[in-house]
Amino acid sequence: MHVESPKPPPSGPRAERKRQAIVRAAREQFVRAGFGVGMDAIAAAAGVSKVTVYNHFGSKEALFSAVIAGALDEPLAGESSAALAGLADAEDLRAAFVDAARAWVHAVRTDEDVAALHTLVAAEGHRFPEIARAWRHHGPEGHHPLVANALRTLADRGRLEIPDLEAAIVQLYSLLVFPHMVFRSYGAQVDDDLTERLLTGGVDMFLGHYAPRAG
């Protein structure tokens, strides 16, 4: 039996504007009403038809994945993006790394929508397995090209020795970002003093572990 291949999503500037509007609306609706919100409500909030939503994303899981991808990208935009990109050229690598970590962690701590999406995954993942699948698919270990590129460039320049880039990315997240996610999942927040100690100590541990070996 012949099975037609999936129809490619719409393309072009107009289609991209619609896609962005759908993702924005979906993010608002997921944060407000949870993963059980209907696709018709998301379509209405975006000002498009439900058919248009499905044409772009195919399923609610795919749409949630797009929302997650955008949310995980946000803390690495702006100041922290520039700081990460400049690490390889920094004269004082530790000082530049601490500055980049500080900007990144500040963005993670202050992004309320990202916090709400983390809470949504924790609270509703058992009822909606597709949430967990979407989160795993776009998890930090493989999602952020900025982190991967920064570490790869440092390794290529000989400033760090990183034999396993994927593991290094997860370790960096574990040292800098994950403590805040864990505290937040319990309705708490890491205070400013501990945040500073965690990020400076985390940078020192990371740079110490991946420092180039003599000889």
N, C-alpha and C. Protein backbone atom coordinates (compact mmCIF):
# COMPACT_ATOMS: atom_id res chain seq x y z
N MET A 1 0.85 -1.19 0.00
CA MET A 1 0.00 0.00 0.00
C MET A 1 0.88 1.24 0.00
N HIS A 2 0.59 2.19 -0.85
CA HIS A 2 1.38 3.41 -0.92
C HIS A 2 0.96 4.36 0.20
N VAL A 3 1.95 4.86 0.95
CA VAL A 3 1.68 5.83 2.01
C VAL A 3 2.35 7.14 1.64
N GLU A 4 1.56 8.20 1.58
CA GLU A 4 2.12 9.51 1.22
C GLU A 4 3.00 10.02 2.35
N SER A 5 4.08 10.67 1.96
CA SER A 5 4.96 11.26 2.96
C SER A 5 4.27 12.47 3.58
N PRO A 6 4.64 12.81 4.83
CA PRO A 6 4.01 13.94 5.49
C PRO A 6 4.19 15.22 4.68
N LYS A 7 3.16 16.04 4.67
CA LYS A 7 3.21 17.30 3.94
C LYS A 7 4.16 18.26 4.65
N PRO A 8 5.08 18.88 3.93
CA PRO A 8 6.00 19.81 4.60
C PRO A 8 5.25 21.02 5.13
N PRO A 9 5.72 21.60 6.24
CA PRO A 9 5.04 22.78 6.79
C PRO A 9 5.14 23.96 5.85
N PRO A 10 4.21 24.91 5.95
CA PRO A 10 4.26 26.10 5.09
C PRO A 10 5.57 26.85 5.28
N SER A 11 6.02 27.50 4.22
CA SER A 11 7.27 28.25 4.30
C SER A 11 7.06 29.65 3.72
N GLY A 12 8.07 30.50 3.91
CA GLY A 12 7.99 31.86 3.42
C GLY A 12 7.76 32.84 4.57
N PRO A 13 7.98 34.13 4.32
CA PRO A 13 7.86 35.15 5.38
C PRO A 13 6.47 35.17 6.04
N ARG A 14 5.41 35.08 5.25
CA ARG A 14 4.06 35.11 5.83
C ARG A 14 3.82 33.89 6.70
N ALA A 15 4.26 32.73 6.24
CA ALA A 15 4.10 31.51 7.02
C ALA A 15 4.91 31.58 8.31
N GLU A 16 6.10 32.17 8.25
CA GLU A 16 6.93 32.29 9.45
C GLU A 16 6.28 33.21 10.48
N ARG A 17 5.64 34.29 10.02
CA ARG A 17 4.94 35.18 10.95
C ARG A 17 3.80 34.43 11.64
N LYS A 18 3.08 33.63 10.88
CA LYS A 18 2.00 32.83 11.48
C LYS A 18 2.56 31.82 12.47
N ARG A 19 3.66 31.19 12.10
CA ARG A 19 4.26 30.20 12.99
C ARG A 19 4.66 30.85 14.31
N GLN A 20 5.29 32.01 14.25
CA GLN A 20 5.69 32.70 15.47
C GLN A 20 4.49 33.09 16.32
N ALA A 21 3.41 33.53 15.65
CA ALA A 21 2.18 33.90 16.37
C ALA A 21 1.59 32.68 17.08
N ILE A 22 1.64 31.52 16.41
CA ILE A 22 1.10 30.28 17.01
C ILE A 22 1.94 29.89 18.22
N VAL A 23 3.26 29.94 18.11
CA VAL A 23 4.13 29.57 19.23
C VAL A 23 3.91 30.50 20.41
N ARG A 24 3.80 31.81 20.15
CA ARG A 24 3.55 32.77 21.24
C ARG A 24 2.23 32.46 21.93
N ALA A 25 1.18 32.24 21.13
CA ALA A 25 -0.14 31.95 21.70
C ALA A 25 -0.12 30.64 22.47
N ALA A 26 0.55 29.63 21.92
CA ALA A 26 0.61 28.33 22.58
C ALA A 26 1.34 28.44 23.92
N ARG A 27 2.40 29.19 23.94
CA ARG A 27 3.15 29.38 25.20
C ARG A 27 2.25 30.00 26.27
N GLU A 28 1.52 31.04 25.90
CA GLU A 28 0.61 31.69 26.85
C GLU A 28 -0.46 30.72 27.34
N GLN A 29 -1.03 29.96 26.40
CA GLN A 29 -2.10 29.04 26.76
C GLN A 29 -1.59 27.87 27.61
N PHE A 30 -0.43 27.32 27.28
CA PHE A 30 0.14 26.24 28.07
C PHE A 30 0.44 26.70 29.50
N VAL A 31 1.03 27.90 29.62
CA VAL A 31 1.35 28.43 30.95
C VAL A 31 0.08 28.69 31.75
N ARG A 32 -0.94 29.20 31.08
CA ARG A 32 -2.18 29.57 31.78
C ARG A 32 -3.05 28.37 32.10
N ALA A 33 -3.19 27.43 31.15
CA ALA A 33 -4.20 26.38 31.30
C ALA A 33 -3.62 24.97 31.35
N GLY A 34 -2.31 24.81 31.18
CA GLY A 34 -1.72 23.48 31.20
C GLY A 34 -1.75 22.81 29.84
N PHE A 35 -1.17 21.61 29.79
CA PHE A 35 -1.05 20.92 28.51
C PHE A 35 -2.40 20.45 27.98
N GLY A 36 -3.41 20.38 28.85
CA GLY A 36 -4.73 19.94 28.41
C GLY A 36 -5.50 20.96 27.60
N VAL A 37 -4.96 22.16 27.44
CA VAL A 37 -5.65 23.18 26.65
C VAL A 37 -5.89 22.68 25.23
N GLY A 38 -7.04 23.03 24.65
CA GLY A 38 -7.37 22.56 23.32
C GLY A 38 -6.65 23.32 22.22
N MET A 39 -6.42 22.64 21.12
CA MET A 39 -5.78 23.28 19.97
C MET A 39 -6.66 24.38 19.39
N ASP A 40 -7.97 24.26 19.57
CA ASP A 40 -8.86 25.32 19.08
C ASP A 40 -8.64 26.60 19.86
N ALA A 41 -8.39 26.49 21.18
CA ALA A 41 -8.12 27.68 21.99
C ALA A 41 -6.80 28.33 21.59
N ILE A 42 -5.80 27.51 21.29
CA ILE A 42 -4.51 28.04 20.84
C ILE A 42 -4.66 28.74 19.50
N ALA A 43 -5.42 28.12 18.59
CA ALA A 43 -5.64 28.72 17.28
C ALA A 43 -6.35 30.06 17.40
N ALA A 44 -7.37 30.12 18.26
CA ALA A 44 -8.12 31.37 18.44
C ALA A 44 -7.21 32.45 19.01
N ALA A 45 -6.36 32.10 19.99
CA ALA A 45 -5.45 33.08 20.58
C ALA A 45 -4.43 33.59 19.57
N ALA A 46 -4.07 32.72 18.61
CA ALA A 46 -3.10 33.12 17.58
C ALA A 46 -3.75 33.83 16.41
N GLY A 47 -5.09 33.82 16.36
CA GLY A 47 -5.79 34.46 15.25
C GLY A 47 -5.69 33.68 13.95
N VAL A 48 -5.59 32.35 14.07
CA VAL A 48 -5.54 31.50 12.87
C VAL A 48 -6.53 30.35 13.05
N SER A 49 -6.70 29.56 12.02
CA SER A 49 -7.59 28.40 12.13
C SER A 49 -6.84 27.22 12.74
N LYS A 50 -7.60 26.26 13.27
CA LYS A 50 -6.97 25.07 13.82
C LYS A 50 -6.25 24.29 12.72
N VAL A 51 -6.78 24.32 11.52
CA VAL A 51 -6.12 23.65 10.39
C VAL A 51 -4.73 24.25 10.16
N THR A 52 -4.63 25.57 10.28
CA THR A 52 -3.34 26.23 10.11
C THR A 52 -2.34 25.77 11.16
N VAL A 53 -2.82 25.64 12.40
CA VAL A 53 -1.94 25.17 13.47
C VAL A 53 -1.40 23.78 13.13
N TYR A 54 -2.29 22.89 12.71
CA TYR A 54 -1.85 21.53 12.38
C TYR A 54 -0.97 21.51 11.13
N ASN A 55 -1.22 22.40 10.18
CA ASN A 55 -0.37 22.47 8.99
C ASN A 55 1.07 22.80 9.37
N HIS A 56 1.21 23.66 10.39
CA HIS A 56 2.55 24.07 10.80
C HIS A 56 3.23 23.06 11.71
N PHE A 57 2.46 22.41 12.59
CA PHE A 57 3.08 21.60 13.63
C PHE A 57 2.67 20.13 13.64
N GLY A 58 1.51 19.81 13.09
CA GLY A 58 1.12 18.42 12.98
C GLY A 58 0.49 17.81 14.21
N SER A 59 0.93 18.23 15.40
CA SER A 59 0.40 17.66 16.64
C SER A 59 0.65 18.63 17.79
N LYS A 60 -0.06 18.42 18.89
CA LYS A 60 0.16 19.25 20.07
C LYS A 60 1.55 19.00 20.65
N GLU A 61 2.02 17.75 20.57
CA GLU A 61 3.36 17.44 21.06
C GLU A 61 4.42 18.23 20.30
N ALA A 62 4.28 18.29 18.98
CA ALA A 62 5.24 19.05 18.17
C ALA A 62 5.17 20.54 18.50
N LEU A 63 3.97 21.04 18.73
CA LEU A 63 3.82 22.45 19.09
C LEU A 63 4.45 22.72 20.44
N PHE A 64 4.22 21.84 21.40
CA PHE A 64 4.83 22.01 22.72
C PHE A 64 6.35 21.96 22.61
N SER A 65 6.86 21.09 21.74
CA SER A 65 8.31 21.03 21.52
C SER A 65 8.85 22.36 21.03
N ALA A 66 8.11 23.01 20.12
CA ALA A 66 8.53 24.32 19.61
C ALA A 66 8.51 25.36 20.71
N VAL A 67 7.51 25.30 21.58
CA VAL A 67 7.43 26.23 22.71
C VAL A 67 8.62 26.01 23.64
N ILE A 68 8.92 24.75 23.93
CA ILE A 68 10.04 24.42 24.81
C ILE A 68 11.36 24.90 24.21
N ALA A 69 11.53 24.66 22.92
CA ALA A 69 12.77 25.09 22.25
C ALA A 69 12.96 26.59 22.39
N GLY A 70 11.91 27.36 22.15
CA GLY A 70 12.01 28.80 22.28
C GLY A 70 12.29 29.23 23.70
N ALA A 71 11.63 28.58 24.66
CA ALA A 71 11.81 28.94 26.06
C ALA A 71 13.22 28.64 26.54
N LEU A 72 13.77 27.49 26.13
CA LEU A 72 15.12 27.15 26.55
C LEU A 72 16.16 28.05 25.90
N ASP A 73 15.86 28.57 24.74
CA ASP A 73 16.79 29.48 24.06
C ASP A 73 16.89 30.84 24.76
N GLU A 74 15.80 31.29 25.37
CA GLU A 74 15.74 32.67 25.85
C GLU A 74 16.85 33.06 26.82
N PRO A 75 17.13 32.23 27.85
CA PRO A 75 18.19 32.66 28.77
C PRO A 75 19.56 32.83 28.12
N LEU A 76 19.75 32.27 26.93
CA LEU A 76 21.03 32.41 26.25
C LEU A 76 21.02 33.50 25.19
N ALA A 77 19.97 34.30 25.18
CA ALA A 77 19.90 35.41 24.22
C ALA A 77 20.56 36.64 24.84
N GLY A 78 20.81 37.64 24.02
CA GLY A 78 21.27 38.93 24.52
C GLY A 78 22.66 38.88 25.13
N GLU A 79 22.76 39.38 26.37
CA GLU A 79 24.05 39.56 27.03
C GLU A 79 24.80 38.25 27.19
N SER A 80 24.12 37.19 27.60
CA SER A 80 24.81 35.92 27.81
C SER A 80 25.28 35.31 26.50
N SER A 81 24.55 35.57 25.41
CA SER A 81 24.97 35.08 24.11
C SER A 81 26.30 35.69 23.70
N ALA A 82 26.40 37.01 23.84
CA ALA A 82 27.65 37.69 23.49
C ALA A 82 28.80 37.24 24.38
N ALA A 83 28.50 37.05 25.66
CA ALA A 83 29.55 36.62 26.60
C ALA A 83 30.06 35.23 26.25
N LEU A 84 29.15 34.31 25.92
CA LEU A 84 29.58 32.97 25.53
C LEU A 84 30.40 33.00 24.26
N ALA A 85 29.96 33.78 23.29
CA ALA A 85 30.64 33.85 22.00
C ALA A 85 32.06 34.40 22.14
N GLY A 86 32.30 35.24 23.15
CA GLY A 86 33.61 35.87 23.31
C GLY A 86 34.58 35.11 24.20
N LEU A 87 34.18 33.95 24.71
CA LEU A 87 35.04 33.24 25.65
C LEU A 87 36.39 32.87 25.06
N ALA A 88 36.39 32.36 23.84
CA ALA A 88 37.63 31.85 23.25
C ALA A 88 38.68 32.95 23.06
N ASP A 89 38.22 34.20 22.92
CA ASP A 89 39.15 35.31 22.70
C ASP A 89 39.51 36.05 23.98
N ALA A 90 38.93 35.63 25.11
CA ALA A 90 39.15 36.34 26.37
C ALA A 90 40.58 36.14 26.86
N GLU A 91 41.21 37.22 27.30
CA GLU A 91 42.56 37.12 27.85
C GLU A 91 42.53 36.36 29.17
N ASP A 92 41.55 36.69 30.02
CA ASP A 92 41.38 36.00 31.31
C ASP A 92 40.16 35.10 31.18
N LEU A 93 40.39 33.82 30.89
CA LEU A 93 39.28 32.91 30.61
C LEU A 93 38.37 32.74 31.82
N ARG A 94 38.93 32.61 33.02
CA ARG A 94 38.09 32.41 34.19
C ARG A 94 37.17 33.60 34.43
N ALA A 95 37.72 34.81 34.35
CA ALA A 95 36.90 36.01 34.58
C ALA A 95 35.79 36.12 33.53
N ALA A 96 36.12 35.82 32.27
CA ALA A 96 35.12 35.89 31.20
C ALA A 96 34.06 34.81 31.39
N PHE A 97 34.49 33.62 31.84
CA PHE A 97 33.56 32.52 32.05
C PHE A 97 32.60 32.85 33.19
N VAL A 98 33.11 33.44 34.26
CA VAL A 98 32.25 33.83 35.38
C VAL A 98 31.24 34.89 34.94
N ASP A 99 31.68 35.85 34.14
CA ASP A 99 30.75 36.88 33.64
C ASP A 99 29.66 36.25 32.78
N ALA A 100 30.04 35.32 31.91
CA ALA A 100 29.05 34.66 31.06
C ALA A 100 28.08 33.84 31.91
N ALA A 101 28.62 33.12 32.89
CA ALA A 101 27.78 32.31 33.78
C ALA A 101 26.82 33.20 34.55
N ARG A 102 27.29 34.34 35.02
CA ARG A 102 26.45 35.25 35.80
C ARG A 102 25.28 35.77 34.96
N ALA A 103 25.54 36.15 33.72
CA ALA A 103 24.47 36.63 32.84
C ALA A 103 23.47 35.52 32.54
N TRP A 104 23.97 34.33 32.30
CA TRP A 104 23.13 33.17 31.97
C TRP A 104 22.23 32.80 33.15
N VAL A 105 22.84 32.68 34.33
CA VAL A 105 22.08 32.28 35.52
C VAL A 105 21.05 33.34 35.90
N HIS A 106 21.42 34.60 35.76
CA HIS A 106 20.46 35.67 36.05
C HIS A 106 19.22 35.54 35.16
N ALA A 107 19.45 35.27 33.87
CA ALA A 107 18.32 35.12 32.95
C ALA A 107 17.46 33.92 33.33
N VAL A 108 18.10 32.82 33.72
CA VAL A 108 17.34 31.62 34.14
C VAL A 108 16.49 31.93 35.37
N ARG A 109 17.06 32.66 36.32
CA ARG A 109 16.36 32.93 37.58
C ARG A 109 15.18 33.89 37.40
N THR A 110 15.24 34.74 36.39
CA THR A 110 14.23 35.80 36.27
C THR A 110 13.21 35.56 35.16
N ASP A 111 13.32 34.46 34.41
CA ASP A 111 12.37 34.20 33.32
C ASP A 111 11.18 33.42 33.89
N GLU A 112 10.08 34.10 34.14
CA GLU A 112 8.92 33.48 34.78
C GLU A 112 8.24 32.44 33.89
N ASP A 113 8.21 32.68 32.59
CA ASP A 113 7.57 31.72 31.69
C ASP A 113 8.33 30.40 31.66
N VAL A 114 9.66 30.47 31.63
CA VAL A 114 10.44 29.24 31.64
C VAL A 114 10.20 28.49 32.94
N ALA A 115 10.13 29.23 34.05
CA ALA A 115 9.83 28.59 35.34
C ALA A 115 8.48 27.90 35.30
N ALA A 116 7.49 28.56 34.72
CA ALA A 116 6.15 27.98 34.64
C ALA A 116 6.13 26.74 33.76
N LEU A 117 6.91 26.73 32.69
CA LEU A 117 6.97 25.55 31.83
C LEU A 117 7.66 24.38 32.52
N HIS A 118 8.70 24.66 33.30
CA HIS A 118 9.32 23.61 34.10
C HIS A 118 8.31 23.00 35.06
N THR A 119 7.54 23.87 35.71
CA THR A 119 6.53 23.39 36.66
C THR A 119 5.48 22.56 35.94
N LEU A 120 5.10 22.98 34.75
CA LEU A 120 4.11 22.25 33.96
C LEU A 120 4.60 20.84 33.64
N VAL A 121 5.85 20.73 33.22
CA VAL A 121 6.40 19.41 32.90
C VAL A 121 6.40 18.52 34.14
N ALA A 122 6.81 19.09 35.28
CA ALA A 122 6.87 18.30 36.52
C ALA A 122 5.49 17.88 36.99
N ALA A 123 4.50 18.79 36.85
CA ALA A 123 3.18 18.53 37.40
C ALA A 123 2.32 17.63 36.52
N GLU A 124 2.48 17.75 35.21
CA GLU A 124 1.55 17.06 34.31
C GLU A 124 2.19 15.97 33.46
N GLY A 125 3.50 15.76 33.66
CA GLY A 125 4.18 14.77 32.83
C GLY A 125 3.62 13.37 32.97
N HIS A 126 3.14 13.02 34.18
CA HIS A 126 2.61 11.67 34.37
C HIS A 126 1.26 11.48 33.68
N ARG A 127 0.50 12.57 33.52
CA ARG A 127 -0.81 12.47 32.86
C ARG A 127 -0.69 12.59 31.35
N PHE A 128 0.32 13.32 30.92
CA PHE A 128 0.51 13.55 29.48
C PHE A 128 1.94 13.16 29.11
N PRO A 129 2.18 11.88 28.79
CA PRO A 129 3.55 11.43 28.47
C PRO A 129 4.18 12.22 27.33
N GLU A 130 3.35 12.77 26.46
CA GLU A 130 3.92 13.52 25.34
C GLU A 130 4.68 14.76 25.80
N ILE A 131 4.32 15.31 26.99
CA ILE A 131 5.08 16.44 27.54
C ILE A 131 6.51 16.00 27.82
N ALA A 132 6.66 14.86 28.50
CA ALA A 132 8.00 14.38 28.85
C ALA A 132 8.80 14.09 27.59
N ARG A 133 8.15 13.52 26.57
CA ARG A 133 8.86 13.23 25.32
C ARG A 133 9.36 14.51 24.68
N ALA A 134 8.50 15.53 24.67
CA ALA A 134 8.89 16.81 24.07
C ALA A 134 10.03 17.44 24.84
N TRP A 135 9.95 17.37 26.18
CA TRP A 135 11.00 17.97 27.01
C TRP A 135 12.34 17.26 26.82
N ARG A 136 12.29 15.92 26.79
CA ARG A 136 13.53 15.17 26.59
C ARG A 136 14.13 15.47 25.23
N HIS A 137 13.27 15.59 24.21
CA HIS A 137 13.76 15.81 22.86
C HIS A 137 14.48 17.15 22.74
N HIS A 138 14.01 18.15 23.49
CA HIS A 138 14.62 19.48 23.42
C HIS A 138 15.35 19.83 24.71
N GLY A 139 15.81 18.80 25.42
CA GLY A 139 16.49 19.05 26.68
C GLY A 139 17.80 19.79 26.47
N PRO A 140 18.35 20.37 27.53
CA PRO A 140 19.56 21.19 27.40
C PRO A 140 20.77 20.43 26.92
N GLU A 141 20.80 19.10 27.12
CA GLU A 141 22.00 18.36 26.72
C GLU A 141 22.27 18.39 25.22
N GLY A 142 21.25 18.62 24.42
CA GLY A 142 21.50 18.65 22.98
C GLY A 142 20.90 19.85 22.30
N HIS A 143 20.40 20.78 23.09
CA HIS A 143 19.59 21.82 22.47
C HIS A 143 20.36 23.09 22.11
N HIS A 144 21.26 23.53 22.98
CA HIS A 144 21.83 24.88 22.81
C HIS A 144 23.08 24.91 21.94
N PRO A 145 22.97 25.35 20.72
CA PRO A 145 24.18 25.45 19.89
C PRO A 145 25.17 26.48 20.42
N LEU A 146 24.69 27.52 21.12
CA LEU A 146 25.62 28.54 21.63
C LEU A 146 26.60 27.94 22.64
N VAL A 147 26.09 27.13 23.55
CA VAL A 147 26.97 26.49 24.53
C VAL A 147 27.91 25.52 23.83
N ALA A 148 27.37 24.69 22.96
CA ALA A 148 28.20 23.73 22.24
C ALA A 148 29.29 24.42 21.43
N ASN A 149 28.92 25.47 20.73
CA ASN A 149 29.90 26.18 19.90
C ASN A 149 30.98 26.84 20.74
N ALA A 150 30.57 27.43 21.88
CA ALA A 150 31.56 28.08 22.75
C ALA A 150 32.56 27.06 23.28
N LEU A 151 32.08 25.92 23.74
CA LEU A 151 32.98 24.90 24.28
C LEU A 151 33.83 24.28 23.18
N ARG A 152 33.23 24.05 22.02
CA ARG A 152 33.98 23.47 20.90
C ARG A 152 35.12 24.40 20.48
N THR A 153 34.83 25.70 20.42
CA THR A 153 35.86 26.67 20.03
C THR A 153 36.98 26.71 21.06
N LEU A 154 36.62 26.67 22.34
CA LEU A 154 37.66 26.64 23.38
C LEU A 154 38.54 25.41 23.24
N ALA A 155 37.93 24.28 22.91
CA ALA A 155 38.71 23.06 22.72
C ALA A 155 39.58 23.14 21.47
N ASP A 156 39.01 23.67 20.40
CA ASP A 156 39.76 23.79 19.14
C ASP A 156 40.97 24.72 19.29
N ARG A 157 40.83 25.73 20.13
CA ARG A 157 41.93 26.68 20.35
C ARG A 157 42.94 26.16 21.38
N GLY A 158 42.65 25.02 21.97
CA GLY A 158 43.56 24.46 22.95
C GLY A 158 43.44 25.06 24.34
N ARG A 159 42.39 25.84 24.58
CA ARG A 159 42.24 26.46 25.89
C ARG A 159 41.56 25.53 26.88
N LEU A 160 40.82 24.55 26.37
CA LEU A 160 40.25 23.49 27.19
C LEU A 160 40.47 22.17 26.46
N GLU A 161 40.44 21.07 27.21
CA GLU A 161 40.57 19.74 26.62
C GLU A 161 39.28 18.98 26.91
N ILE A 162 38.42 18.87 25.87
CA ILE A 162 37.08 18.32 26.05
C ILE A 162 36.91 17.11 25.13
N PRO A 163 37.13 15.91 25.64
CA PRO A 163 36.99 14.72 24.79
C PRO A 163 35.55 14.34 24.51
N ASP A 164 34.61 14.73 25.37
CA ASP A 164 33.20 14.36 25.22
C ASP A 164 32.37 15.63 25.37
N LEU A 165 32.04 16.25 24.24
CA LEU A 165 31.35 17.54 24.26
C LEU A 165 29.96 17.43 24.87
N GLU A 166 29.23 16.37 24.54
CA GLU A 166 27.88 16.22 25.07
C GLU A 166 27.89 16.14 26.59
N ALA A 167 28.81 15.35 27.14
CA ALA A 167 28.92 15.24 28.60
C ALA A 167 29.31 16.58 29.22
N ALA A 168 30.20 17.31 28.55
CA ALA A 168 30.63 18.60 29.09
C ALA A 168 29.47 19.60 29.15
N ILE A 169 28.60 19.58 28.13
CA ILE A 169 27.46 20.48 28.13
C ILE A 169 26.54 20.17 29.30
N VAL A 170 26.25 18.88 29.52
CA VAL A 170 25.39 18.49 30.64
C VAL A 170 26.03 18.86 31.97
N GLN A 171 27.33 18.66 32.09
CA GLN A 171 28.02 19.01 33.33
C GLN A 171 27.96 20.51 33.59
N LEU A 172 28.11 21.31 32.55
CA LEU A 172 28.04 22.76 32.74
C LEU A 172 26.65 23.19 33.18
N TYR A 173 25.62 22.61 32.54
CA TYR A 173 24.25 22.89 32.99
C TYR A 173 24.05 22.46 34.44
N SER A 174 24.60 21.29 34.79
CA SER A 174 24.42 20.77 36.14
C SER A 174 25.04 21.70 37.18
N LEU A 175 26.16 22.29 36.84
CA LEU A 175 26.85 23.18 37.77
C LEU A 175 26.18 24.55 37.86
N LEU A 176 25.67 25.06 36.75
CA LEU A 176 25.21 26.44 36.72
C LEU A 176 23.70 26.61 36.77
N VAL A 177 22.97 25.76 36.08
CA VAL A 177 21.54 26.00 35.87
C VAL A 177 20.63 25.06 36.66
N PHE A 178 20.98 23.80 36.71
CA PHE A 178 20.08 22.82 37.31
C PHE A 178 19.75 23.08 38.79
N PRO A 179 20.69 23.60 39.61
CA PRO A 179 20.30 23.89 41.00
C PRO A 179 19.08 24.80 41.10
N HIS A 180 18.99 25.76 40.22
CA HIS A 180 17.86 26.70 40.25
C HIS A 180 16.57 26.01 39.81
N MET A 181 16.67 25.09 38.86
CA MET A 181 15.50 24.35 38.43
C MET A 181 14.99 23.44 39.56
N VAL A 182 15.92 22.81 40.26
CA VAL A 182 15.53 21.91 41.35
C VAL A 182 14.86 22.68 42.47
N PHE A 183 15.47 23.77 42.91
CA PHE A 183 14.87 24.58 43.97
C PHE A 183 13.49 25.08 43.56
N ARG A 184 13.39 25.52 42.30
CA ARG A 184 12.13 26.07 41.81
C ARG A 184 11.04 25.01 41.80
N SER A 185 11.39 23.76 41.52
CA SER A 185 10.39 22.69 41.50
C SER A 185 9.78 22.46 42.87
N TYR A 186 10.48 22.91 43.93
CA TYR A 186 9.96 22.80 45.30
C TYR A 186 9.38 24.13 45.79
N GLY A 187 9.20 25.07 44.87
CA GLY A 187 8.63 26.36 45.25
C GLY A 187 9.59 27.26 45.98
N ALA A 188 10.90 27.00 45.86
CA ALA A 188 11.91 27.80 46.54
C ALA A 188 12.83 28.44 45.52
N GLN A 189 13.75 29.29 46.03
CA GLN A 189 14.72 29.91 45.14
C GLN A 189 16.06 30.00 45.84
N VAL A 190 17.11 29.78 45.08
CA VAL A 190 18.46 29.93 45.61
C VAL A 190 18.71 31.41 45.87
N ASP A 191 19.19 31.76 47.07
CA ASP A 191 19.39 33.18 47.36
C ASP A 191 20.60 33.71 46.60
N ASP A 192 20.74 35.04 46.61
CA ASP A 192 21.77 35.69 45.79
C ASP A 192 23.18 35.27 46.19
N ASP A 193 23.43 35.17 47.49
CA ASP A 193 24.77 34.83 47.95
C ASP A 193 25.15 33.42 47.53
N LEU A 194 24.24 32.45 47.72
CA LEU A 194 24.53 31.08 47.31
C LEU A 194 24.63 30.97 45.79
N THR A 195 23.81 31.73 45.08
CA THR A 195 23.89 31.73 43.62
C THR A 195 25.28 32.12 43.16
N GLU A 196 25.84 33.17 43.76
CA GLU A 196 27.17 33.62 43.37
C GLU A 196 28.22 32.56 43.70
N ARG A 197 28.11 31.94 44.87
CA ARG A 197 29.06 30.90 45.25
C ARG A 197 28.95 29.68 44.34
N LEU A 198 27.74 29.32 43.98
CA LEU A 198 27.54 28.19 43.08
C LEU A 198 28.14 28.45 41.71
N LEU A 199 27.93 29.64 41.17
CA LEU A 199 28.40 29.87 39.80
C LEU A 199 29.92 30.05 39.74
N THR A 200 30.51 30.73 40.74
CA THR A 200 31.97 30.85 40.71
C THR A 200 32.64 29.51 41.00
N GLY A 201 32.09 28.76 41.97
CA GLY A 201 32.64 27.44 42.24
C GLY A 201 32.42 26.49 41.08
N GLY A 202 31.26 26.61 40.44
CA GLY A 202 30.97 25.76 39.28
C GLY A 202 31.92 26.02 38.13
N VAL A 203 32.20 27.29 37.86
CA VAL A 203 33.15 27.63 36.80
C VAL A 203 34.53 27.09 37.13
N ASP A 204 34.95 27.24 38.40
CA ASP A 204 36.27 26.74 38.79
C ASP A 204 36.36 25.21 38.63
N MET A 205 35.31 24.51 39.03
CA MET A 205 35.32 23.05 38.87
C MET A 205 35.37 22.65 37.41
N PHE A 206 34.57 23.34 36.59
CA PHE A 206 34.51 23.00 35.16
C PHE A 206 35.86 23.28 34.49
N LEU A 207 36.42 24.46 34.72
CA LEU A 207 37.70 24.80 34.08
C LEU A 207 38.83 23.92 34.63
N GLY A 208 38.77 23.58 35.90
CA GLY A 208 39.80 22.73 36.47
C GLY A 208 39.75 21.33 35.87
N HIS A 209 38.52 20.82 35.67
CA HIS A 209 38.39 19.46 35.12
C HIS A 209 38.85 19.40 33.66
N TYR A 210 38.54 20.46 32.90
CA TYR A 210 38.84 20.44 31.46
C TYR A 210 40.09 21.25 31.09
N ALA A 211 40.88 21.62 32.07
CA ALA A 211 42.13 22.33 31.77
C ALA A 211 43.04 21.43 30.93
N PRO A 212 43.76 22.00 29.96
CA PRO A 212 44.67 21.20 29.14
C PRO A 212 45.73 20.51 30.01
N ARG A 213 45.98 19.24 29.73
CA ARG A 213 46.99 18.49 30.49
C ARG A 213 48.36 18.73 29.90
N ALA A 214 49.30 18.99 30.75
CA ALA A 214 50.68 19.21 30.29
C ALA A 214 51.24 17.92 29.69
N GLY A 215 51.96 18.11 28.58
CA GLY A 215 52.63 16.96 27.97
C GLY A 215 51.72 16.10 27.18
